[in-house]
Amino acid sequence: MEIKPGYRLEGDDLSCIRDDRVLFEELAFELVPGQVLLLEGKNGSGKTSLLRILCGFREPDTGQVYWCGDAINDSQYYADMAYVGHLDGVKKELTVLENLKVSLALGRPGQYSIQQALNKVHLVNYEDVLVQALSAGQKRRLSLARLLITQNIVWILDEPFTSLDKQGIMLIESLMSEHCAKGGMIVLTSHHDIDLHGVDVQRINLP
């Protein structure tokens, strides 16, 4: 992953209104390589709505999101960003290997091969298993393996620790720390406190 000088993700004067209710307003942040932005708040506070804005799935009611100084719609942001949401985003009728091959075909090759990624997420020997036969935690780890085989600077993760046991949580934290150590950036929501040694974690609390 080549991290060029000047990479940064910025939110400027962002607001979001849903059903005539202001979820957040005048929100601003700046994220640079090696940093994590953790969104905190109770259910319904707007965390997922903010992630959807950062992914370009919806427009903010006011403000703008910038990638390297340009509005995200006028930049290569979507090629540099990967999103893992509440749903795992994998095809249950395909095997583990087939799912990863589809992801690789749609993105730019990353630093890990499919086999290396499966080893990282502890899914070795599951290549030919249909996704529908996996446990919830295994499906979550498969969805995160997609991040390892494609080249993305920004990871946007909505509750990445869902369905994971303590060992799985520690695994994902180690992958996140590794991504940041290599110059990546992460925006995530989580009901769990995160333990990322040596990583600069910014926090936004949405009331």
N, C-alpha and C. Protein backbone atom coordinates (compact mmCIF):
# COMPACT_ATOMS: atom_id res chain seq x y z
N MET A 1 0.84 -1.19 0.00
CA MET A 1 0.00 0.00 0.00
C MET A 1 0.88 1.24 0.00
N GLU A 2 0.74 2.05 -1.02
CA GLU A 2 1.55 3.26 -1.12
C GLU A 2 0.79 4.43 -0.50
N ILE A 3 1.34 4.99 0.56
CA ILE A 3 0.71 6.13 1.23
C ILE A 3 1.44 7.39 0.82
N LYS A 4 0.77 8.24 0.08
CA LYS A 4 1.39 9.45 -0.42
C LYS A 4 1.22 10.60 0.57
N PRO A 5 2.17 11.53 0.60
CA PRO A 5 2.03 12.70 1.47
C PRO A 5 0.73 13.44 1.16
N GLY A 6 0.07 13.87 2.21
CA GLY A 6 -1.15 14.65 2.01
C GLY A 6 -2.43 13.85 2.09
N TYR A 7 -2.33 12.52 2.20
CA TYR A 7 -3.55 11.73 2.38
C TYR A 7 -4.26 12.17 3.66
N ARG A 8 -5.52 12.49 3.56
CA ARG A 8 -6.30 12.82 4.75
C ARG A 8 -7.79 12.75 4.41
N LEU A 9 -8.55 12.39 5.42
CA LEU A 9 -10.01 12.34 5.31
C LEU A 9 -10.56 13.39 6.26
N GLU A 10 -11.39 14.29 5.72
CA GLU A 10 -11.90 15.40 6.53
C GLU A 10 -13.43 15.48 6.45
N GLY A 11 -14.02 15.79 7.56
CA GLY A 11 -15.43 16.15 7.60
C GLY A 11 -15.54 17.59 8.05
N ASP A 12 -16.30 18.39 7.32
CA ASP A 12 -16.41 19.82 7.62
C ASP A 12 -17.87 20.22 7.78
N ASP A 13 -18.24 20.66 8.99
CA ASP A 13 -19.57 21.20 9.27
C ASP A 13 -20.67 20.22 8.87
N LEU A 14 -20.48 18.95 9.22
CA LEU A 14 -21.45 17.93 8.81
C LEU A 14 -22.68 17.94 9.72
N SER A 15 -23.84 17.79 9.11
CA SER A 15 -25.07 17.61 9.87
C SER A 15 -25.92 16.55 9.20
N CYS A 16 -26.76 15.92 10.01
CA CYS A 16 -27.65 14.87 9.50
C CYS A 16 -29.00 15.00 10.19
N ILE A 17 -30.05 15.06 9.38
CA ILE A 17 -31.42 15.16 9.89
C ILE A 17 -32.20 13.95 9.40
N ARG A 18 -32.87 13.27 10.32
CA ARG A 18 -33.67 12.11 9.96
C ARG A 18 -35.02 12.21 10.65
N ASP A 19 -36.09 12.11 9.84
CA ASP A 19 -37.45 12.21 10.38
C ASP A 19 -37.63 13.49 11.21
N ASP A 20 -37.14 14.60 10.66
CA ASP A 20 -37.24 15.92 11.31
C ASP A 20 -36.48 16.00 12.63
N ARG A 21 -35.60 15.05 12.88
CA ARG A 21 -34.79 15.09 14.10
C ARG A 21 -33.32 15.26 13.73
N VAL A 22 -32.66 16.23 14.36
CA VAL A 22 -31.24 16.47 14.11
C VAL A 22 -30.43 15.42 14.87
N LEU A 23 -29.75 14.56 14.12
CA LEU A 23 -28.91 13.54 14.75
C LEU A 23 -27.58 14.13 15.19
N PHE A 24 -26.99 14.95 14.33
CA PHE A 24 -25.77 15.68 14.70
C PHE A 24 -25.64 16.88 13.78
N GLU A 25 -24.88 17.86 14.23
CA GLU A 25 -24.66 19.07 13.42
C GLU A 25 -23.32 19.68 13.78
N GLU A 26 -22.79 20.49 12.85
CA GLU A 26 -21.51 21.18 13.01
C GLU A 26 -20.39 20.21 13.40
N LEU A 27 -20.43 19.02 12.84
CA LEU A 27 -19.43 18.01 13.17
C LEU A 27 -18.24 18.14 12.23
N ALA A 28 -17.04 18.11 12.79
CA ALA A 28 -15.83 18.24 11.99
C ALA A 28 -14.75 17.31 12.55
N PHE A 29 -13.92 16.81 11.65
CA PHE A 29 -12.80 15.97 12.06
C PHE A 29 -11.77 15.95 10.93
N GLU A 30 -10.56 15.51 11.26
CA GLU A 30 -9.52 15.27 10.26
C GLU A 30 -8.79 14.00 10.65
N LEU A 31 -8.66 13.10 9.69
CA LEU A 31 -7.99 11.82 9.92
C LEU A 31 -6.83 11.71 8.94
N VAL A 32 -5.66 11.34 9.45
CA VAL A 32 -4.46 11.20 8.62
C VAL A 32 -3.92 9.79 8.77
N PRO A 33 -2.97 9.39 7.91
CA PRO A 33 -2.46 8.02 7.97
C PRO A 33 -2.01 7.61 9.37
N GLY A 34 -2.39 6.38 9.74
CA GLY A 34 -2.02 5.84 11.04
C GLY A 34 -3.02 6.10 12.14
N GLN A 35 -4.10 6.83 11.84
CA GLN A 35 -5.06 7.19 12.88
C GLN A 35 -6.36 6.39 12.75
N VAL A 36 -7.07 6.31 13.88
CA VAL A 36 -8.39 5.69 13.96
C VAL A 36 -9.38 6.72 14.48
N LEU A 37 -10.57 6.74 13.89
CA LEU A 37 -11.66 7.57 14.39
C LEU A 37 -12.75 6.65 14.91
N LEU A 38 -12.99 6.68 16.21
CA LEU A 38 -13.99 5.83 16.85
C LEU A 38 -15.24 6.66 17.14
N LEU A 39 -16.36 6.23 16.57
CA LEU A 39 -17.63 6.89 16.78
C LEU A 39 -18.38 6.20 17.91
N GLU A 40 -18.72 6.96 18.93
CA GLU A 40 -19.40 6.40 20.10
C GLU A 40 -20.76 7.07 20.27
N GLY A 41 -21.65 6.40 20.97
CA GLY A 41 -22.98 6.95 21.22
C GLY A 41 -24.00 5.85 21.33
N LYS A 42 -25.14 6.18 21.91
CA LYS A 42 -26.20 5.19 22.08
C LYS A 42 -26.85 4.87 20.73
N ASN A 43 -27.63 3.81 20.70
CA ASN A 43 -28.35 3.45 19.49
C ASN A 43 -29.26 4.59 19.06
N GLY A 44 -29.26 4.89 17.77
CA GLY A 44 -30.10 5.97 17.26
C GLY A 44 -29.46 7.34 17.31
N SER A 45 -28.19 7.40 17.75
CA SER A 45 -27.52 8.70 17.87
C SER A 45 -26.97 9.21 16.55
N GLY A 46 -26.92 8.33 15.54
CA GLY A 46 -26.45 8.78 14.23
C GLY A 46 -25.14 8.19 13.79
N LYS A 47 -24.61 7.20 14.52
CA LYS A 47 -23.31 6.63 14.18
C LYS A 47 -23.34 6.00 12.78
N THR A 48 -24.32 5.14 12.54
CA THR A 48 -24.40 4.49 11.23
C THR A 48 -24.72 5.49 10.14
N SER A 49 -25.53 6.50 10.44
CA SER A 49 -25.82 7.54 9.45
C SER A 49 -24.55 8.29 9.06
N LEU A 50 -23.69 8.56 10.04
CA LEU A 50 -22.43 9.23 9.74
C LEU A 50 -21.53 8.33 8.88
N LEU A 51 -21.50 7.04 9.19
CA LEU A 51 -20.72 6.13 8.36
C LEU A 51 -21.24 6.12 6.93
N ARG A 52 -22.55 6.13 6.77
CA ARG A 52 -23.14 6.13 5.43
C ARG A 52 -22.75 7.40 4.67
N ILE A 53 -22.67 8.51 5.37
CA ILE A 53 -22.22 9.76 4.74
C ILE A 53 -20.76 9.63 4.32
N LEU A 54 -19.94 9.05 5.19
CA LEU A 54 -18.51 8.91 4.88
C LEU A 54 -18.28 7.93 3.75
N CYS A 55 -19.21 7.00 3.57
CA CYS A 55 -19.11 6.05 2.45
C CYS A 55 -19.69 6.62 1.15
N GLY A 56 -20.38 7.75 1.24
CA GLY A 56 -21.01 8.32 0.07
C GLY A 56 -22.36 7.71 -0.25
N PHE A 57 -22.92 6.93 0.70
CA PHE A 57 -24.23 6.31 0.47
C PHE A 57 -25.36 7.33 0.58
N ARG A 58 -25.13 8.38 1.33
CA ARG A 58 -26.09 9.47 1.43
C ARG A 58 -25.34 10.78 1.59
N GLU A 59 -26.00 11.87 1.23
CA GLU A 59 -25.40 13.19 1.34
C GLU A 59 -25.64 13.76 2.73
N PRO A 60 -24.69 14.52 3.27
CA PRO A 60 -24.97 15.23 4.53
C PRO A 60 -25.99 16.33 4.27
N ASP A 61 -26.74 16.70 5.29
CA ASP A 61 -27.70 17.79 5.12
C ASP A 61 -27.00 19.13 5.02
N THR A 62 -25.87 19.25 5.69
CA THR A 62 -24.98 20.39 5.46
C THR A 62 -23.55 19.85 5.53
N GLY A 63 -22.62 20.61 5.00
CA GLY A 63 -21.22 20.26 5.10
C GLY A 63 -20.73 19.39 3.95
N GLN A 64 -19.49 18.96 4.08
CA GLN A 64 -18.85 18.20 3.01
C GLN A 64 -17.81 17.27 3.59
N VAL A 65 -17.61 16.14 2.91
CA VAL A 65 -16.52 15.21 3.24
C VAL A 65 -15.45 15.35 2.16
N TYR A 66 -14.21 15.45 2.58
CA TYR A 66 -13.10 15.66 1.66
C TYR A 66 -12.08 14.53 1.76
N TRP A 67 -11.53 14.16 0.61
CA TRP A 67 -10.43 13.20 0.55
C TRP A 67 -9.26 13.87 -0.15
N CYS A 68 -8.18 14.03 0.61
CA CYS A 68 -6.98 14.69 0.08
C CYS A 68 -7.29 16.08 -0.46
N GLY A 69 -8.20 16.77 0.20
CA GLY A 69 -8.52 18.14 -0.16
C GLY A 69 -9.64 18.31 -1.17
N ASP A 70 -10.10 17.23 -1.78
CA ASP A 70 -11.18 17.30 -2.76
C ASP A 70 -12.44 16.64 -2.21
N ALA A 71 -13.60 17.15 -2.60
CA ALA A 71 -14.85 16.50 -2.23
C ALA A 71 -14.81 15.05 -2.68
N ILE A 72 -15.33 14.14 -1.86
CA ILE A 72 -15.15 12.71 -2.15
C ILE A 72 -15.71 12.32 -3.52
N ASN A 73 -16.75 13.00 -3.98
CA ASN A 73 -17.32 12.67 -5.29
C ASN A 73 -16.42 13.13 -6.45
N ASP A 74 -15.45 13.99 -6.13
CA ASP A 74 -14.53 14.51 -7.16
C ASP A 74 -13.12 13.97 -6.99
N SER A 75 -12.97 12.85 -6.31
CA SER A 75 -11.65 12.30 -6.02
C SER A 75 -11.67 10.79 -6.30
N GLN A 76 -10.54 10.15 -6.01
CA GLN A 76 -10.47 8.69 -6.16
C GLN A 76 -10.81 7.98 -4.85
N TYR A 77 -11.54 8.66 -3.98
CA TYR A 77 -11.85 8.16 -2.65
C TYR A 77 -12.46 6.77 -2.68
N TYR A 78 -13.41 6.54 -3.57
CA TYR A 78 -14.12 5.27 -3.55
C TYR A 78 -13.21 4.10 -3.92
N ALA A 79 -12.14 4.38 -4.65
CA ALA A 79 -11.15 3.33 -4.95
C ALA A 79 -10.23 3.08 -3.76
N ASP A 80 -10.14 4.04 -2.84
CA ASP A 80 -9.24 3.94 -1.70
C ASP A 80 -9.95 3.52 -0.42
N MET A 81 -11.27 3.34 -0.47
CA MET A 81 -12.08 3.08 0.73
C MET A 81 -12.74 1.72 0.64
N ALA A 82 -12.83 1.04 1.78
CA ALA A 82 -13.56 -0.23 1.87
C ALA A 82 -14.50 -0.17 3.07
N TYR A 83 -15.69 -0.74 2.91
CA TYR A 83 -16.72 -0.67 3.95
C TYR A 83 -17.16 -2.07 4.33
N VAL A 84 -17.25 -2.32 5.64
CA VAL A 84 -17.85 -3.54 6.17
C VAL A 84 -18.95 -3.12 7.13
N GLY A 85 -20.18 -3.46 6.80
CA GLY A 85 -21.32 -3.00 7.58
C GLY A 85 -21.83 -4.03 8.57
N HIS A 86 -23.05 -3.78 9.09
CA HIS A 86 -23.68 -4.71 10.03
C HIS A 86 -23.80 -6.09 9.42
N LEU A 87 -24.25 -6.14 8.16
CA LEU A 87 -24.31 -7.40 7.44
C LEU A 87 -22.92 -7.72 6.91
N ASP A 88 -22.60 -8.99 6.82
CA ASP A 88 -21.24 -9.36 6.49
C ASP A 88 -20.87 -9.11 5.03
N GLY A 89 -21.86 -8.98 4.15
CA GLY A 89 -21.57 -8.66 2.77
C GLY A 89 -20.94 -9.81 1.99
N VAL A 90 -21.22 -11.04 2.41
CA VAL A 90 -20.71 -12.22 1.70
C VAL A 90 -21.90 -13.00 1.16
N LYS A 91 -21.65 -13.75 0.09
CA LYS A 91 -22.71 -14.51 -0.57
C LYS A 91 -22.77 -15.91 0.04
N LYS A 92 -23.92 -16.21 0.68
CA LYS A 92 -24.02 -17.48 1.42
C LYS A 92 -24.03 -18.70 0.51
N GLU A 93 -24.41 -18.51 -0.77
CA GLU A 93 -24.46 -19.65 -1.69
C GLU A 93 -23.11 -19.95 -2.32
N LEU A 94 -22.11 -19.10 -2.06
CA LEU A 94 -20.76 -19.32 -2.57
C LEU A 94 -19.86 -19.87 -1.46
N THR A 95 -18.76 -20.47 -1.86
CA THR A 95 -17.80 -20.94 -0.87
C THR A 95 -16.96 -19.77 -0.36
N VAL A 96 -16.19 -20.06 0.67
CA VAL A 96 -15.28 -19.05 1.22
C VAL A 96 -14.33 -18.56 0.13
N LEU A 97 -13.72 -19.48 -0.60
CA LEU A 97 -12.78 -19.11 -1.65
C LEU A 97 -13.45 -18.32 -2.76
N GLU A 98 -14.63 -18.73 -3.17
CA GLU A 98 -15.34 -18.03 -4.24
C GLU A 98 -15.68 -16.61 -3.83
N ASN A 99 -16.07 -16.40 -2.57
CA ASN A 99 -16.36 -15.05 -2.10
C ASN A 99 -15.14 -14.15 -2.19
N LEU A 100 -13.99 -14.68 -1.80
CA LEU A 100 -12.78 -13.86 -1.83
C LEU A 100 -12.32 -13.59 -3.26
N LYS A 101 -12.52 -14.55 -4.14
CA LYS A 101 -12.16 -14.33 -5.54
C LYS A 101 -13.03 -13.23 -6.16
N VAL A 102 -14.31 -13.20 -5.80
CA VAL A 102 -15.19 -12.14 -6.30
C VAL A 102 -14.70 -10.78 -5.79
N SER A 103 -14.38 -10.69 -4.50
CA SER A 103 -13.90 -9.43 -3.94
C SER A 103 -12.62 -8.98 -4.61
N LEU A 104 -11.72 -9.92 -4.88
CA LEU A 104 -10.46 -9.58 -5.51
C LEU A 104 -10.67 -9.09 -6.94
N ALA A 105 -11.64 -9.69 -7.62
CA ALA A 105 -11.92 -9.29 -9.00
C ALA A 105 -12.49 -7.87 -9.07
N LEU A 106 -13.14 -7.44 -8.00
CA LEU A 106 -13.78 -6.12 -7.99
C LEU A 106 -12.86 -5.02 -7.46
N GLY A 107 -11.75 -5.40 -6.84
CA GLY A 107 -10.86 -4.40 -6.24
C GLY A 107 -9.44 -4.52 -6.77
N ARG A 108 -8.55 -3.73 -6.17
CA ARG A 108 -7.13 -3.78 -6.51
C ARG A 108 -6.43 -4.76 -5.57
N PRO A 109 -5.55 -5.61 -6.09
CA PRO A 109 -4.88 -6.58 -5.23
C PRO A 109 -4.14 -5.90 -4.08
N GLY A 110 -4.28 -6.46 -2.90
CA GLY A 110 -3.61 -5.93 -1.72
C GLY A 110 -2.31 -6.65 -1.44
N GLN A 111 -1.80 -6.49 -0.24
CA GLN A 111 -0.50 -7.06 0.09
C GLN A 111 -0.59 -8.54 0.44
N TYR A 112 -1.79 -9.04 0.73
CA TYR A 112 -1.94 -10.44 1.11
C TYR A 112 -2.64 -11.22 0.00
N SER A 113 -2.15 -12.45 -0.23
CA SER A 113 -2.85 -13.37 -1.12
C SER A 113 -4.08 -13.90 -0.38
N ILE A 114 -4.96 -14.56 -1.12
CA ILE A 114 -6.14 -15.15 -0.49
C ILE A 114 -5.73 -16.13 0.60
N GLN A 115 -4.75 -16.97 0.32
CA GLN A 115 -4.34 -17.96 1.31
C GLN A 115 -3.74 -17.30 2.54
N GLN A 116 -2.96 -16.26 2.34
CA GLN A 116 -2.38 -15.54 3.48
C GLN A 116 -3.47 -14.87 4.32
N ALA A 117 -4.47 -14.31 3.65
CA ALA A 117 -5.57 -13.67 4.37
C ALA A 117 -6.36 -14.69 5.18
N LEU A 118 -6.63 -15.86 4.60
CA LEU A 118 -7.35 -16.91 5.33
C LEU A 118 -6.55 -17.35 6.55
N ASN A 119 -5.25 -17.40 6.42
CA ASN A 119 -4.41 -17.75 7.56
C ASN A 119 -4.49 -16.68 8.64
N LYS A 120 -4.50 -15.42 8.22
CA LYS A 120 -4.57 -14.31 9.17
C LYS A 120 -5.85 -14.35 10.00
N VAL A 121 -6.98 -14.70 9.35
CA VAL A 121 -8.27 -14.67 10.04
C VAL A 121 -8.69 -16.05 10.54
N HIS A 122 -7.74 -16.99 10.53
CA HIS A 122 -7.97 -18.34 11.07
C HIS A 122 -9.09 -19.08 10.34
N LEU A 123 -9.07 -19.01 9.01
CA LEU A 123 -10.04 -19.76 8.21
C LEU A 123 -9.34 -20.70 7.22
N VAL A 124 -8.12 -21.09 7.53
CA VAL A 124 -7.42 -22.06 6.69
C VAL A 124 -8.21 -23.37 6.70
N ASN A 125 -8.27 -24.02 5.54
CA ASN A 125 -8.99 -25.28 5.34
C ASN A 125 -10.51 -25.10 5.23
N TYR A 126 -10.96 -23.84 5.17
CA TYR A 126 -12.38 -23.57 4.96
C TYR A 126 -12.66 -23.12 3.52
N GLU A 127 -11.67 -23.19 2.66
CA GLU A 127 -11.79 -22.64 1.31
C GLU A 127 -13.03 -23.14 0.57
N ASP A 128 -13.32 -24.44 0.69
CA ASP A 128 -14.41 -25.04 -0.09
C ASP A 128 -15.72 -25.17 0.69
N VAL A 129 -15.78 -24.54 1.86
CA VAL A 129 -17.00 -24.58 2.67
C VAL A 129 -17.95 -23.48 2.22
N LEU A 130 -19.22 -23.86 2.04
CA LEU A 130 -20.22 -22.84 1.71
C LEU A 130 -20.39 -21.88 2.88
N VAL A 131 -20.53 -20.61 2.57
CA VAL A 131 -20.65 -19.59 3.62
C VAL A 131 -21.85 -19.86 4.52
N GLN A 132 -22.92 -20.40 3.96
CA GLN A 132 -24.11 -20.66 4.77
C GLN A 132 -23.85 -21.69 5.88
N ALA A 133 -22.74 -22.43 5.77
CA ALA A 133 -22.40 -23.42 6.79
C ALA A 133 -21.48 -22.85 7.87
N LEU A 134 -21.04 -21.61 7.71
CA LEU A 134 -20.14 -20.99 8.68
C LEU A 134 -20.92 -20.45 9.88
N SER A 135 -20.23 -20.34 11.00
CA SER A 135 -20.83 -19.68 12.16
C SER A 135 -20.87 -18.17 11.93
N ALA A 136 -21.61 -17.46 12.78
CA ALA A 136 -21.69 -16.00 12.64
C ALA A 136 -20.31 -15.37 12.78
N GLY A 137 -19.50 -15.86 13.71
CA GLY A 137 -18.17 -15.30 13.89
C GLY A 137 -17.26 -15.57 12.71
N GLN A 138 -17.39 -16.75 12.11
CA GLN A 138 -16.58 -17.08 10.93
C GLN A 138 -16.98 -16.21 9.74
N LYS A 139 -18.26 -15.94 9.59
CA LYS A 139 -18.71 -15.06 8.51
C LYS A 139 -18.14 -13.65 8.69
N ARG A 140 -18.10 -13.20 9.94
CA ARG A 140 -17.55 -11.88 10.21
C ARG A 140 -16.06 -11.85 9.87
N ARG A 141 -15.33 -12.89 10.22
CA ARG A 141 -13.91 -12.93 9.91
C ARG A 141 -13.67 -13.02 8.41
N LEU A 142 -14.56 -13.72 7.70
CA LEU A 142 -14.44 -13.77 6.24
C LEU A 142 -14.65 -12.39 5.64
N SER A 143 -15.62 -11.65 6.15
CA SER A 143 -15.87 -10.31 5.62
C SER A 143 -14.66 -9.41 5.82
N LEU A 144 -13.96 -9.59 6.93
CA LEU A 144 -12.77 -8.78 7.20
C LEU A 144 -11.57 -9.26 6.38
N ALA A 145 -11.56 -10.54 6.01
CA ALA A 145 -10.48 -11.03 5.15
C ALA A 145 -10.49 -10.30 3.81
N ARG A 146 -11.66 -9.85 3.37
CA ARG A 146 -11.74 -9.12 2.11
C ARG A 146 -10.91 -7.85 2.15
N LEU A 147 -10.78 -7.26 3.34
CA LEU A 147 -9.98 -6.04 3.47
C LEU A 147 -8.50 -6.32 3.25
N LEU A 148 -8.08 -7.53 3.57
CA LEU A 148 -6.66 -7.86 3.50
C LEU A 148 -6.19 -8.18 2.10
N ILE A 149 -7.10 -8.65 1.24
CA ILE A 149 -6.68 -9.06 -0.11
C ILE A 149 -6.84 -7.93 -1.12
N THR A 150 -7.47 -6.83 -0.72
CA THR A 150 -7.62 -5.69 -1.62
C THR A 150 -6.90 -4.48 -1.03
N GLN A 151 -6.53 -3.57 -1.88
CA GLN A 151 -5.76 -2.39 -1.48
C GLN A 151 -6.70 -1.23 -1.18
N ASN A 152 -6.86 -0.94 0.10
CA ASN A 152 -7.72 0.16 0.54
C ASN A 152 -7.02 0.91 1.67
N ILE A 153 -6.95 2.21 1.56
CA ILE A 153 -6.30 3.01 2.60
C ILE A 153 -7.24 3.23 3.78
N VAL A 154 -8.51 3.49 3.48
CA VAL A 154 -9.49 3.79 4.52
C VAL A 154 -10.40 2.59 4.73
N TRP A 155 -10.44 2.08 5.95
CA TRP A 155 -11.41 1.06 6.32
C TRP A 155 -12.53 1.74 7.10
N ILE A 156 -13.77 1.52 6.68
CA ILE A 156 -14.93 2.02 7.41
C ILE A 156 -15.70 0.81 7.92
N LEU A 157 -15.77 0.67 9.23
CA LEU A 157 -16.27 -0.55 9.85
C LEU A 157 -17.42 -0.24 10.80
N ASP A 158 -18.56 -0.85 10.55
CA ASP A 158 -19.74 -0.66 11.41
C ASP A 158 -19.86 -1.86 12.33
N GLU A 159 -19.53 -1.68 13.60
CA GLU A 159 -19.57 -2.74 14.61
C GLU A 159 -18.80 -3.98 14.15
N PRO A 160 -17.50 -3.86 13.91
CA PRO A 160 -16.73 -4.99 13.39
C PRO A 160 -16.60 -6.16 14.35
N PHE A 161 -16.86 -5.94 15.65
CA PHE A 161 -16.68 -7.01 16.63
C PHE A 161 -17.94 -7.83 16.86
N THR A 162 -19.02 -7.51 16.14
CA THR A 162 -20.27 -8.26 16.28
C THR A 162 -20.04 -9.74 16.02
N SER A 163 -20.58 -10.59 16.87
CA SER A 163 -20.55 -12.06 16.74
C SER A 163 -19.17 -12.66 17.00
N LEU A 164 -18.21 -11.86 17.45
CA LEU A 164 -16.87 -12.39 17.70
C LEU A 164 -16.66 -12.66 19.19
N ASP A 165 -15.96 -13.76 19.49
CA ASP A 165 -15.59 -14.04 20.86
C ASP A 165 -14.34 -13.23 21.21
N LYS A 166 -13.85 -13.41 22.43
CA LYS A 166 -12.70 -12.62 22.89
C LYS A 166 -11.50 -12.81 21.98
N GLN A 167 -11.25 -14.05 21.56
CA GLN A 167 -10.12 -14.32 20.67
C GLN A 167 -10.31 -13.63 19.33
N GLY A 168 -11.55 -13.65 18.82
CA GLY A 168 -11.83 -12.99 17.55
C GLY A 168 -11.65 -11.49 17.63
N ILE A 169 -12.06 -10.90 18.76
CA ILE A 169 -11.90 -9.46 18.95
C ILE A 169 -10.41 -9.09 18.96
N MET A 170 -9.61 -9.88 19.67
CA MET A 170 -8.17 -9.62 19.71
C MET A 170 -7.55 -9.75 18.33
N LEU A 171 -8.04 -10.70 17.55
CA LEU A 171 -7.54 -10.88 16.19
C LEU A 171 -7.81 -9.65 15.34
N ILE A 172 -9.06 -9.15 15.38
CA ILE A 172 -9.41 -7.99 14.57
C ILE A 172 -8.65 -6.76 15.03
N GLU A 173 -8.48 -6.60 16.34
CA GLU A 173 -7.69 -5.47 16.84
C GLU A 173 -6.26 -5.53 16.31
N SER A 174 -5.69 -6.73 16.23
CA SER A 174 -4.31 -6.84 15.72
C SER A 174 -4.25 -6.48 14.25
N LEU A 175 -5.27 -6.86 13.47
CA LEU A 175 -5.31 -6.51 12.06
C LEU A 175 -5.48 -5.00 11.87
N MET A 176 -6.28 -4.38 12.73
CA MET A 176 -6.46 -2.94 12.66
C MET A 176 -5.17 -2.21 13.01
N SER A 177 -4.49 -2.67 14.05
CA SER A 177 -3.21 -2.05 14.43
C SER A 177 -2.20 -2.18 13.31
N GLU A 178 -2.16 -3.34 12.67
CA GLU A 178 -1.23 -3.56 11.56
C GLU A 178 -1.54 -2.63 10.40
N HIS A 179 -2.83 -2.46 10.09
CA HIS A 179 -3.23 -1.58 8.99
C HIS A 179 -2.78 -0.14 9.27
N CYS A 180 -2.98 0.32 10.50
CA CYS A 180 -2.57 1.68 10.85
C CYS A 180 -1.06 1.84 10.85
N ALA A 181 -0.35 0.81 11.30
CA ALA A 181 1.11 0.87 11.33
C ALA A 181 1.69 1.03 9.93
N LYS A 182 0.96 0.55 8.93
CA LYS A 182 1.41 0.65 7.55
C LYS A 182 0.85 1.88 6.85
N GLY A 183 0.23 2.78 7.62
CA GLY A 183 -0.24 4.04 7.05
C GLY A 183 -1.70 4.08 6.71
N GLY A 184 -2.44 3.04 7.08
CA GLY A 184 -3.88 3.04 6.81
C GLY A 184 -4.64 3.89 7.80
N MET A 185 -5.91 4.12 7.52
CA MET A 185 -6.81 4.86 8.40
C MET A 185 -8.06 4.03 8.61
N ILE A 186 -8.69 4.19 9.77
CA ILE A 186 -9.89 3.42 10.09
C ILE A 186 -10.91 4.34 10.74
N VAL A 187 -12.16 4.24 10.29
CA VAL A 187 -13.31 4.85 10.97
C VAL A 187 -14.21 3.71 11.38
N LEU A 188 -14.60 3.66 12.65
CA LEU A 188 -15.45 2.56 13.08
C LEU A 188 -16.41 2.98 14.17
N THR A 189 -17.47 2.20 14.28
CA THR A 189 -18.36 2.27 15.44
C THR A 189 -18.17 0.99 16.23
N SER A 190 -18.33 1.08 17.53
CA SER A 190 -18.21 -0.12 18.35
C SER A 190 -18.82 0.12 19.72
N HIS A 191 -19.52 -0.90 20.21
CA HIS A 191 -20.00 -0.85 21.59
C HIS A 191 -18.93 -1.41 22.54
N HIS A 192 -17.86 -1.94 21.97
CA HIS A 192 -16.75 -2.44 22.77
C HIS A 192 -15.64 -1.39 22.80
N ASP A 193 -14.98 -1.27 23.94
CA ASP A 193 -13.79 -0.43 23.97
C ASP A 193 -12.70 -1.14 23.18
N ILE A 194 -11.89 -0.40 22.47
CA ILE A 194 -10.87 -1.01 21.62
C ILE A 194 -9.50 -0.85 22.24
N ASP A 195 -8.65 -1.83 21.99
CA ASP A 195 -7.30 -1.84 22.56
C ASP A 195 -6.32 -1.92 21.39
N LEU A 196 -5.87 -0.76 20.93
CA LEU A 196 -4.95 -0.69 19.79
C LEU A 196 -3.65 -0.05 20.26
N HIS A 197 -2.68 -0.87 20.61
CA HIS A 197 -1.43 -0.37 21.19
C HIS A 197 -0.68 0.51 20.19
N GLY A 198 -0.33 1.70 20.64
CA GLY A 198 0.48 2.60 19.83
C GLY A 198 -0.24 3.30 18.71
N VAL A 199 -1.57 3.16 18.64
CA VAL A 199 -2.35 3.79 17.58
C VAL A 199 -3.04 5.03 18.14
N ASP A 200 -3.01 6.11 17.36
CA ASP A 200 -3.67 7.35 17.74
C ASP A 200 -5.16 7.22 17.46
N VAL A 201 -5.97 7.13 18.51
CA VAL A 201 -7.41 6.95 18.37
C VAL A 201 -8.13 8.23 18.75
N GLN A 202 -8.79 8.84 17.79
CA GLN A 202 -9.67 9.97 18.06
C GLN A 202 -11.08 9.44 18.36
N ARG A 203 -11.83 10.18 19.14
CA ARG A 203 -13.17 9.74 19.50
C ARG A 203 -14.16 10.87 19.26
N ILE A 204 -15.29 10.52 18.67
CA ILE A 204 -16.41 11.44 18.54
C ILE A 204 -17.59 10.80 19.24
N ASN A 205 -18.14 11.48 20.23
CA ASN A 205 -19.30 10.97 20.96
C ASN A 205 -20.55 11.67 20.45
N LEU A 206 -21.44 10.89 19.88
CA LEU A 206 -22.70 11.44 19.38
C LEU A 206 -23.77 11.25 20.46
N PRO A 207 -24.31 12.32 20.99
CA PRO A 207 -25.25 12.22 22.12
C PRO A 207 -26.58 11.58 21.71
